């Protein structure tokens, strides 16, 4: 049987894991939307000579 302190620590750990996961998922979704919105794809073969000199 867990003590009250251990139960609270376990609950806090679970909440922290779940909220961190939710934040990460939200951040990934926002990043995906930004990339789609701007049509940005990083591909060095698309750089022009002028871009490479910068």
PDB file of N, CA and C in Angstrom:
ATOM      1  N   UNK A   1       0.850  -1.173   0.000  1.00  0.00           N
ATOM      2  CA  UNK A   1       0.000   0.000   0.000  1.00  0.00           C
ATOM      3  C   UNK A   1       0.898   1.239   0.000  1.00  0.00           C
ATOM      4  N   UNK A   2       0.508   2.236  -0.767  1.00  0.00           N
ATOM      5  CA  UNK A   2       1.288   3.471  -0.861  1.00  0.00           C
ATOM      6  C   UNK A   2       0.850   4.469   0.203  1.00  0.00           C
ATOM      7  N   UNK A   3       1.804   5.247   0.674  1.00  0.00           N
ATOM      8  CA  UNK A   3       1.469   6.311   1.614  1.00  0.00           C
ATOM      9  C   UNK A   3       0.801   7.455   0.847  1.00  0.00           C
ATOM     10  N   UNK A   4       0.182   8.353   1.572  1.00  0.00           N
ATOM     11  CA  UNK A   4      -0.477   9.503   0.942  1.00  0.00           C
ATOM     12  C   UNK A   4       0.540  10.328   0.147  1.00  0.00           C
ATOM     13  N   UNK A   5       1.724  10.478   0.690  1.00  0.00           N
ATOM     14  CA  UNK A   5       2.784  11.233   0.013  1.00  0.00           C
ATOM     15  C   UNK A   5       3.186  10.550  -1.300  1.00  0.00           C
ATOM     16  N   UNK A   6       3.300   9.237  -1.276  1.00  0.00           N
ATOM     17  CA  UNK A   6       3.653   8.484  -2.485  1.00  0.00           C
ATOM     18  C   UNK A   6       2.543   8.557  -3.534  1.00  0.00           C
ATOM     19  N   UNK A   7       1.296   8.498  -3.080  1.00  0.00           N
ATOM     20  CA  UNK A   7       0.155   8.606  -4.000  1.00  0.00           C
ATOM     21  C   UNK A   7       0.173   9.967  -4.684  1.00  0.00           C
ATOM     22  N   UNK A   8       0.392  11.023  -3.915  1.00  0.00           N
ATOM     23  CA  UNK A   8       0.432  12.372  -4.480  1.00  0.00           C
ATOM     24  C   UNK A   8       1.598  12.530  -5.449  1.00  0.00           C
ATOM     25  N   UNK A   9       2.743  11.981  -5.111  1.00  0.00           N
ATOM     26  CA  UNK A   9       3.909  12.058  -5.993  1.00  0.00           C
ATOM     27  C   UNK A   9       3.635  11.318  -7.300  1.00  0.00           C
ATOM     28  N   UNK A  10       3.008  10.153  -7.207  1.00  0.00           N
ATOM     29  CA  UNK A  10       2.672   9.375  -8.398  1.00  0.00           C
ATOM     30  C   UNK A  10       1.663  10.126  -9.264  1.00  0.00           C
ATOM     31  N   UNK A  11       0.645  10.693  -8.643  1.00  0.00           N
ATOM     32  CA  UNK A  11      -0.357  11.459  -9.389  1.00  0.00           C
ATOM     33  C   UNK A  11       0.287  12.655 -10.090  1.00  0.00           C
ATOM     34  N   UNK A  12       1.164  13.346  -9.394  1.00  0.00           N
ATOM     35  CA  UNK A  12       1.862  14.488  -9.993  1.00  0.00           C
ATOM     36  C   UNK A  12       2.718  14.054 -11.174  1.00  0.00           C
ATOM     37  N   UNK A  13       3.372  12.912 -11.043  1.00  0.00           N
ATOM     38  CA  UNK A  13       4.205  12.399 -12.123  1.00  0.00           C
ATOM     39  C   UNK A  13       3.352  12.103 -13.358  1.00  0.00           C
ATOM     40  N   UNK A  14       2.215  11.458 -13.165  1.00  0.00           N
ATOM     41  CA  UNK A  14       1.324  11.123 -14.281  1.00  0.00           C
ATOM     42  C   UNK A  14       0.801  12.393 -14.945  1.00  0.00           C
ATOM     43  N   UNK A  15       0.361  13.346 -14.157  1.00  0.00           N
ATOM     44  CA  UNK A  15      -0.149  14.609 -14.708  1.00  0.00           C
ATOM     45  C   UNK A  15       0.943  15.318 -15.499  1.00  0.00           C
ATOM     46  N   UNK A  16       2.154  15.346 -14.979  1.00  0.00           N
ATOM     47  CA  UNK A  16       3.263  15.996 -15.683  1.00  0.00           C
ATOM     48  C   UNK A  16       3.576  15.301 -16.997  1.00  0.00           C
ATOM     49  N   UNK A  17       3.568  13.984 -16.995  1.00  0.00           N
ATOM     50  CA  UNK A  17       3.826  13.237 -18.231  1.00  0.00           C
ATOM     51  C   UNK A  17       2.749  13.502 -19.272  1.00  0.00           C
ATOM     52  N   UNK A  18       1.509  13.484 -18.856  1.00  0.00           N
ATOM     53  CA  UNK A  18       0.403  13.694 -19.790  1.00  0.00           C
ATOM     54  C   UNK A  18       0.377  15.120 -20.323  1.00  0.00           C
ATOM     55  N   UNK A  19       0.603  16.093 -19.471  1.00  0.00           N
ATOM     56  CA  UNK A  19       0.561  17.483 -19.933  1.00  0.00           C
ATOM     57  C   UNK A  19       1.758  17.789 -20.824  1.00  0.00           C
ATOM     58  N   UNK A  20       2.920  17.219 -20.538  1.00  0.00           N
ATOM     59  CA  UNK A  20       4.090  17.426 -21.398  1.00  0.00           C
ATOM     60  C   UNK A  20       3.834  16.807 -22.762  1.00  0.00           C
ATOM     61  N   UNK A  21       3.222  15.638 -22.789  1.00  0.00           N
ATOM     62  CA  UNK A  21       2.906  14.976 -24.046  1.00  0.00           C
ATOM     63  C   UNK A  21       1.902  15.805 -24.842  1.00  0.00           C
ATOM     64  N   UNK A  22       0.902  16.356 -24.177  1.00  0.00           N
ATOM     65  CA  UNK A  22      -0.105  17.179 -24.850  1.00  0.00           C
ATOM     66  C   UNK A  22       0.535  18.431 -25.434  1.00  0.00           C
ATOM     67  N   UNK A  23       1.450  19.053 -24.681  1.00  0.00           N
ATOM     68  CA  UNK A  23       2.142  20.244 -25.177  1.00  0.00           C
ATOM     69  C   UNK A  23       2.991  19.909 -26.393  1.00  0.00           C
ATOM     70  N   UNK A  24       3.670  18.779 -26.359  1.00  0.00           N
ATOM     71  CA  UNK A  24       4.502  18.365 -27.486  1.00  0.00           C
ATOM     72  C   UNK A  24       3.645  18.115 -28.722  1.00  0.00           C
ATOM     73  N   UNK A  25       2.526  17.438 -28.545  1.00  0.00           N
ATOM     74  CA  UNK A  25       1.635  17.181 -29.675  1.00  0.00           C
ATOM     75  C   UNK A  25       1.100  18.482 -30.265  1.00  0.00           C
ATOM     76  N   UNK A  26       0.737  19.420 -29.400  1.00  0.00           N
ATOM     77  CA  UNK A  26       0.238  20.711 -29.866  1.00  0.00           C
ATOM     78  C   UNK A  26       1.323  21.466 -30.625  1.00  0.00           C
ATOM     79  N   UNK A  27       2.540  21.446 -30.112  1.00  0.00           N
ATOM     80  CA  UNK A  27       3.653  22.122 -30.774  1.00  0.00           C
ATOM     81  C   UNK A  27       3.943  21.501 -32.135  1.00  0.00           C
ATOM     82  N   UNK A  28       3.927  20.180 -32.224  1.00  0.00           N
ATOM     83  CA  UNK A  28       4.156  19.507 -33.512  1.00  0.00           C
ATOM     84  C   UNK A  28       3.068  19.865 -34.516  1.00  0.00           C
ATOM     85  N   UNK A  29       1.823  19.901 -34.055  1.00  0.00           N
ATOM     86  CA  UNK A  29       0.707  20.250 -34.943  1.00  0.00           C
ATOM     87  C   UNK A  29       0.844  21.692 -35.430  1.00  0.00           C
ATOM     88  N   UNK A  30       1.204  22.601 -34.530  1.00  0.00           N
ATOM     89  CA  UNK A  30       1.407  23.995 -34.928  1.00  0.00           C
ATOM     90  C   UNK A  30       2.530  24.112 -35.948  1.00  0.00           C
ATOM     91  N   UNK A  31       3.605  23.381 -35.734  1.00  0.00           N
ATOM     92  CA  UNK A  31       4.738  23.414 -36.661  1.00  0.00           C
ATOM     93  C   UNK A  31       4.325  22.871 -38.028  1.00  0.00           C
ATOM     94  N   UNK A  32       3.572  21.786 -38.026  1.00  0.00           N
ATOM     95  CA  UNK A  32       3.096  21.201 -39.284  1.00  0.00           C
ATOM     96  C   UNK A  32       2.204  22.194 -40.037  1.00  0.00           C
ATOM     97  N   UNK A  33       1.340  22.886 -39.317  1.00  0.00           N
ATOM     98  CA  UNK A  33       0.462  23.877 -39.944  1.00  0.00           C
ATOM     99  C   UNK A  33       1.271  25.024 -40.537  1.00  0.00           C
ATOM    100  N   UNK A  34       2.288  25.476 -39.817  1.00  0.00           N
ATOM    101  CA  UNK A  34       3.127  26.559 -40.333  1.00  0.00           C
ATOM    102  C   UNK A  34       3.843  26.138 -41.607  1.00  0.00           C
ATOM    103  N   UNK A  35       4.409  24.942 -41.615  1.00  0.00           N
ATOM    104  CA  UNK A  35       5.092  24.461 -42.813  1.00  0.00           C
ATOM    105  C   UNK A  35       4.125  24.358 -43.987  1.00  0.00           C
ATOM    106  N   UNK A  36       2.952  23.848 -43.731  1.00  0.00           N
ATOM    107  CA  UNK A  36       1.958  23.709 -44.798  1.00  0.00           C
ATOM    108  C   UNK A  36       1.519  25.086 -45.286  1.00  0.00           C
ATOM    109  N   UNK A  37       1.313  26.009 -44.365  1.00  0.00           N
ATOM    110  CA  UNK A  37       0.857  27.347 -44.703  1.00  0.00           C
ATOM    111  C   UNK A  37       1.854  28.067 -45.606  1.00  0.00           C
ATOM    112  N   UNK A  38       3.121  27.945 -45.308  1.00  0.00           N
ATOM    113  CA  UNK A  38       4.140  28.641 -46.079  1.00  0.00           C
ATOM    114  C   UNK A  38       4.697  27.794 -47.212  1.00  0.00           C
ATOM    115  N   UNK A  39       4.297  26.556 -47.289  1.00  0.00           N
ATOM    116  CA  UNK A  39       4.790  25.680 -48.344  1.00  0.00           C
ATOM    117  C   UNK A  39       6.297  25.535 -48.289  1.00  0.00           C
ATOM    118  N   UNK A  40       6.840  25.561 -47.101  1.00  0.00           N
ATOM    119  CA  UNK A  40       8.289  25.532 -46.932  1.00  0.00           C
ATOM    120  C   UNK A  40       8.794  24.103 -46.881  1.00  0.00           C
ATOM    121  N   UNK A  41       9.744  23.817 -47.764  1.00  0.00           N
ATOM    122  CA  UNK A  41      10.419  22.524 -47.737  1.00  0.00           C
ATOM    123  C   UNK A  41      11.902  22.809 -47.872  1.00  0.00           C
ATOM    124  N   UNK A  42      12.690  22.381 -46.905  1.00  0.00           N
ATOM    125  CA  UNK A  42      14.129  22.643 -46.947  1.00  0.00           C
ATOM    126  C   UNK A  42      14.789  21.636 -47.859  1.00  0.00           C
ATOM    127  N   UNK A  43      15.382  22.160 -48.914  1.00  0.00           N
ATOM    128  CA  UNK A  43      16.059  21.312 -49.877  1.00  0.00           C
ATOM    129  C   UNK A  43      17.204  22.129 -50.455  1.00  0.00           C
ATOM    130  N   UNK A  44      18.423  21.783 -50.099  1.00  0.00           N
ATOM    131  CA  UNK A  44      19.575  22.559 -50.536  1.00  0.00           C
ATOM    132  C   UNK A  44      19.720  22.588 -52.049  1.00  0.00           C
ATOM    133  N   UNK A  45      19.182  21.614 -52.744  1.00  0.00           N
ATOM    134  CA  UNK A  45      19.298  21.600 -54.201  1.00  0.00           C
ATOM    135  C   UNK A  45      18.492  22.731 -54.833  1.00  0.00           C
ATOM    136  N   UNK A  46      17.596  23.342 -54.085  1.00  0.00           N
ATOM    137  CA  UNK A  46      16.783  24.430 -54.612  1.00  0.00           C
ATOM    138  C   UNK A  46      17.449  25.791 -54.435  1.00  0.00           C
ATOM    139  N   UNK A  47      18.573  25.847 -53.720  1.00  0.00           N
ATOM    140  CA  UNK A  47      19.275  27.104 -53.529  1.00  0.00           C
ATOM    141  C   UNK A  47      19.902  27.562 -54.838  1.00  0.00           C
ATOM    142  N   UNK A  48      19.849  28.855 -55.062  1.00  0.00           N
ATOM    143  CA  UNK A  48      20.515  29.411 -56.238  1.00  0.00           C
ATOM    144  C   UNK A  48      21.939  29.764 -55.850  1.00  0.00           C
ATOM    145  N   UNK A  49      22.759  30.067 -56.833  1.00  0.00           N
ATOM    146  CA  UNK A  49      24.142  30.446 -56.534  1.00  0.00           C
ATOM    147  C   UNK A  49      24.176  31.679 -55.653  1.00  0.00           C
ATOM    148  N   UNK A  50      23.273  32.614 -55.886  1.00  0.00           N
ATOM    149  CA  UNK A  50      23.217  33.839 -55.092  1.00  0.00           C
ATOM    150  C   UNK A  50      22.917  33.518 -53.630  1.00  0.00           C
ATOM    151  N   UNK A  51      21.993  32.597 -53.381  1.00  0.00           N
ATOM    152  CA  UNK A  51      21.657  32.200 -52.015  1.00  0.00           C
ATOM    153  C   UNK A  51      22.840  31.536 -51.326  1.00  0.00           C
ATOM    154  N   UNK A  52      23.598  30.749 -52.064  1.00  0.00           N
ATOM    155  CA  UNK A  52      24.724  30.025 -51.482  1.00  0.00           C
ATOM    156  C   UNK A  52      25.852  30.961 -51.079  1.00  0.00           C
ATOM    157  N   UNK A  53      25.971  32.115 -51.755  1.00  0.00           N
ATOM    158  CA  UNK A  53      27.035  33.067 -51.445  1.00  0.00           C
ATOM    159  C   UNK A  53      26.763  33.821 -50.161  1.00  0.00           C
ATOM    160  N   UNK A  54      25.534  33.867 -49.708  1.00  0.00           N
ATOM    161  CA  UNK A  54      25.168  34.642 -48.511  1.00  0.00           C
ATOM    162  C   UNK A  54      25.639  33.990 -47.257  1.00  0.00           C
TER     163      UNK A  54
END
